[in-house]
């Protein structure tokens, strides 16, 4: 019997309560009201075919919305701890300009997506990439379903897109991933995933792509 591909929609969280345009990795602020509206709009646009499984990062800006969606639709729900955002250490809560002024060398390395890059006291990029990809492969192998929704973060999405498309490190910041950005993959066991779409009419192109 021929295996069927699993459709996976990966959705970034919406606007977060608190200071805007800052490094927000391990910090755990919830969505703003606008953020919830952004995600509701994206889900309404993306839920064809219907979702039959939902998973999320454990951070509140992803988890709370995803859990409520799964409960409302009676769907299985998984929290995936290793698909949380990168820990930005001393950069947490800082704008790019503030991080660059305080730690110029570390900021430059991270802005170029170098594998050895890390904010002071934060997570190395290569370690972040390894944990995300390991968790992604394990979830895909176990999840099943016909259309799975994963709610996560811009950093996680960049890692996944780099993995799927084979992009060089220095090109990753060319990917626009605004609030409630999304992409869709066709995943068939034994084959490389196929990117079906990136953003599109459901995305809010006016929203900045913040960390």
Protein backbone atom coordinates (compact mmCIF):
# COMPACT_ATOMS: atom_id res chain seq x y z
CA UNK A 1 0.00 0.00 0.00
CA UNK A 2 1.45 3.37 -1.00
CA UNK A 3 2.12 5.79 1.84
CA UNK A 4 0.43 9.17 1.73
CA UNK A 5 2.23 12.44 2.31
CA UNK A 6 1.45 14.44 5.44
CA UNK A 7 0.66 18.09 4.93
CA UNK A 8 2.35 20.25 7.59
CA UNK A 9 1.52 23.91 8.12
CA UNK A 10 4.05 25.78 10.26
CA UNK A 11 2.68 29.01 11.77
CA UNK A 12 4.56 31.71 13.63
CA UNK A 13 2.93 33.27 16.69
CA UNK A 14 1.33 36.70 16.38
CA UNK A 15 2.19 39.97 18.07
CA UNK A 16 3.39 39.55 21.66
CA UNK A 17 2.49 41.73 24.65
CA UNK A 18 5.36 43.89 25.86
CA UNK A 19 8.16 45.80 24.20
CA UNK A 20 8.20 45.48 20.40
CA UNK A 21 11.09 44.75 18.01
CA UNK A 22 13.34 43.07 20.58
CA UNK A 23 15.15 39.75 20.90
CA UNK A 24 12.53 37.49 22.43
CA UNK A 25 13.70 33.91 22.84
CA UNK A 26 13.31 32.31 26.27
CA UNK A 27 11.21 35.16 27.66
CA UNK A 28 7.61 34.08 27.97
CA UNK A 29 5.19 36.95 27.40
CA UNK A 30 1.73 36.02 26.08
CA UNK A 31 0.14 37.18 22.85
CA UNK A 32 -1.38 40.62 22.67
CA UNK A 33 -5.01 40.93 21.63
CA UNK A 34 -3.82 41.93 18.15
CA UNK A 35 -1.63 38.83 18.11
CA UNK A 36 -4.60 36.57 18.81
CA UNK A 37 -6.57 38.24 16.02
CA UNK A 38 -3.63 37.77 13.62
CA UNK A 39 -3.46 34.05 14.40
CA UNK A 40 -7.21 33.56 14.20
CA UNK A 41 -7.15 35.11 10.74
CA UNK A 42 -4.24 32.97 9.62
CA UNK A 43 -5.84 29.75 10.89
CA UNK A 44 -9.14 30.58 9.19
CA UNK A 45 -7.26 31.04 5.92
CA UNK A 46 -5.04 27.97 6.28
CA UNK A 47 -7.43 25.31 7.60
CA UNK A 48 -8.16 23.65 4.28
CA UNK A 49 -7.97 20.72 4.32
CA UNK A 50 -8.99 20.67 7.99
CA UNK A 51 -6.27 20.21 10.60
CA UNK A 52 -6.32 16.85 12.33
CA UNK A 53 -3.44 17.40 14.77
CA UNK A 54 -1.91 20.45 16.48
CA UNK A 55 1.50 20.92 18.12
CA UNK A 56 3.29 23.91 19.60
CA UNK A 57 6.34 25.31 21.29
CA UNK A 58 5.95 25.33 25.09
CA UNK A 59 6.23 29.13 25.26
CA UNK A 60 2.96 30.93 26.03
CA UNK A 61 2.87 32.97 22.81
CA UNK A 62 2.55 29.71 20.87
CA UNK A 63 1.19 27.16 23.34
CA UNK A 64 -1.87 28.99 24.64
CA UNK A 65 -3.39 29.71 21.24
CA UNK A 66 -2.57 26.26 19.85
CA UNK A 67 -4.03 24.45 22.87
CA UNK A 68 -7.25 26.47 22.71
CA UNK A 69 -7.57 25.73 19.00
CA UNK A 70 -7.03 22.00 19.52
CA UNK A 71 -9.54 21.87 22.38
CA UNK A 72 -12.16 23.80 20.41
CA UNK A 73 -11.85 21.39 17.48
CA UNK A 74 -11.36 18.20 19.49
CA UNK A 75 -7.90 17.55 18.03
CA UNK A 76 -4.84 15.82 19.50
CA UNK A 77 -2.39 18.37 20.91
CA UNK A 78 1.35 18.03 21.54
CA UNK A 79 3.73 20.40 23.34
CA UNK A 80 7.21 20.09 21.80
CA UNK A 81 9.81 21.53 24.21
CA UNK A 82 12.68 21.43 21.71
CA UNK A 83 10.78 23.49 19.15
CA UNK A 84 10.95 26.57 21.39
CA UNK A 85 12.82 29.67 20.24
CA UNK A 86 16.58 30.14 20.59
CA UNK A 87 17.74 31.45 23.98
CA UNK A 88 19.24 34.89 23.38
CA UNK A 89 20.98 35.26 26.74
CA UNK A 90 22.07 38.86 27.36
CA UNK A 91 20.21 39.97 24.21
CA UNK A 92 16.81 39.04 25.65
CA UNK A 93 14.58 42.11 25.67
CA UNK A 94 17.05 44.28 23.71
CA UNK A 95 16.58 45.83 20.31
CA UNK A 96 19.11 45.03 17.63
CA UNK A 97 20.73 48.44 18.09
CA UNK A 98 21.00 47.95 21.85
CA UNK A 99 22.48 44.45 21.47
CA UNK A 100 24.99 45.68 18.87
CA UNK A 101 26.10 48.52 21.14
CA UNK A 102 26.51 46.26 24.18
CA UNK A 103 28.12 43.25 22.47
CA UNK A 104 29.18 44.18 18.92
CA UNK A 105 31.15 41.02 18.05
CA UNK A 106 28.47 38.64 19.31
CA UNK A 107 25.76 40.61 17.58
CA UNK A 108 27.65 40.58 14.28
CA UNK A 109 28.19 36.81 14.42
CA UNK A 110 24.54 36.18 15.21
CA UNK A 111 23.32 38.55 12.51
CA UNK A 112 25.36 36.54 9.98
CA UNK A 113 23.85 33.26 11.30
CA UNK A 114 27.29 31.76 11.93
CA UNK A 115 27.15 28.28 13.43
CA UNK A 116 29.34 29.23 16.39
CA UNK A 117 27.36 32.40 17.15
CA UNK A 118 25.78 32.94 20.56
CA UNK A 119 24.67 35.88 22.64
CA UNK A 120 26.52 36.13 25.97
CA UNK A 121 24.93 33.57 28.27
CA UNK A 122 22.73 32.31 25.45
CA UNK A 123 22.46 29.29 23.18
CA UNK A 124 24.91 28.53 20.38
CA UNK A 125 23.32 28.60 16.97
CA UNK A 126 24.61 25.15 16.01
CA UNK A 127 23.16 23.65 19.22
CA UNK A 128 19.84 25.39 18.54
CA UNK A 129 19.78 24.04 14.99
CA UNK A 130 20.57 20.49 16.17
CA UNK A 131 17.79 20.40 18.77
CA UNK A 132 15.21 21.85 16.40
CA UNK A 133 15.94 19.38 13.61
CA UNK A 134 16.04 16.38 15.96
CA UNK A 135 12.68 17.36 17.47
CA UNK A 136 11.18 18.03 14.04
CA UNK A 137 12.17 14.61 12.67
CA UNK A 138 10.90 12.84 15.80
CA UNK A 139 7.57 14.66 15.69
CA UNK A 140 7.06 13.95 11.99
CA UNK A 141 7.80 10.26 12.51
CA UNK A 142 5.30 9.97 15.37
CA UNK A 143 2.55 12.46 14.52
CA UNK A 144 0.81 10.87 11.56
CA UNK A 145 -2.30 12.59 10.32
CA UNK A 146 -3.16 14.20 7.03
CA UNK A 147 -2.77 17.90 7.93
CA UNK A 148 -0.76 18.85 11.00
CA UNK A 149 -0.40 22.39 12.38
CA UNK A 150 2.78 23.42 14.20
CA UNK A 151 2.78 26.78 16.02
CA UNK A 152 6.30 28.01 16.70
CA UNK A 153 8.82 30.86 16.26
CA UNK A 154 10.70 32.71 13.55
CA UNK A 155 14.06 31.19 14.51
CA UNK A 156 12.68 27.66 14.41
CA UNK A 157 11.07 28.38 11.05
CA UNK A 158 14.37 29.64 9.62
CA UNK A 159 16.12 26.45 10.70
CA UNK A 160 13.42 24.31 9.10
CA UNK A 161 13.41 26.30 5.86
CA UNK A 162 17.20 26.17 5.67
CA UNK A 163 17.03 22.40 6.14
CA UNK A 164 14.34 21.90 3.50
CA UNK A 165 15.78 24.26 0.89
CA UNK A 166 19.50 23.85 1.54
CA UNK A 167 20.02 27.60 2.01
CA UNK A 168 23.45 28.96 2.99
CA UNK A 169 23.66 30.61 6.40
CA UNK A 170 24.16 34.13 5.10
CA UNK A 171 20.90 34.05 3.13
CA UNK A 172 18.51 33.18 5.95
CA UNK A 173 17.71 36.79 6.85
CA UNK A 174 16.32 37.22 3.33
CA UNK A 175 13.27 35.21 4.41
CA UNK A 176 10.44 37.47 5.58
CA UNK A 177 8.74 35.90 8.59
CA UNK A 178 6.41 38.53 10.05
CA UNK A 179 3.93 37.95 12.85
CA UNK A 180 1.63 35.02 11.95
CA UNK A 181 3.87 34.10 8.98
CA UNK A 182 3.55 30.54 7.77
CA UNK A 183 4.77 27.94 5.34
CA UNK A 184 3.41 24.61 4.19
CA UNK A 185 5.27 21.37 3.47
CA UNK A 186 4.38 18.03 1.93
CA UNK A 187 6.21 15.36 3.94
CA UNK A 188 6.46 11.75 2.74
CA UNK A 189 8.51 9.19 4.67
CA UNK A 190 11.75 8.38 2.91
CA UNK A 191 11.66 11.55 0.78
CA UNK A 192 12.81 15.12 1.27
CA UNK A 193 10.00 17.50 2.29
CA UNK A 194 8.58 19.69 -0.48
CA UNK A 195 7.87 23.37 0.18
CA UNK A 196 4.37 24.12 -1.12
CA UNK A 197 4.00 27.75 -0.01
CA UNK A 198 5.65 30.50 2.03
CA UNK A 199 3.44 33.26 3.44
CA UNK A 200 0.99 34.35 0.76
CA UNK A 201 -2.48 35.93 1.09
CA UNK A 202 -2.90 34.84 4.72
CA UNK A 203 0.23 36.69 5.91
CA UNK A 204 0.20 40.21 7.35
CA UNK A 205 2.94 41.73 5.20
CA UNK A 206 2.78 45.00 7.15
CA UNK A 207 4.14 43.35 10.30
CA UNK A 208 7.92 43.59 10.88
CA UNK A 209 10.01 40.44 11.17
CA UNK A 210 11.31 40.86 14.70
CA UNK A 211 13.32 38.34 16.71
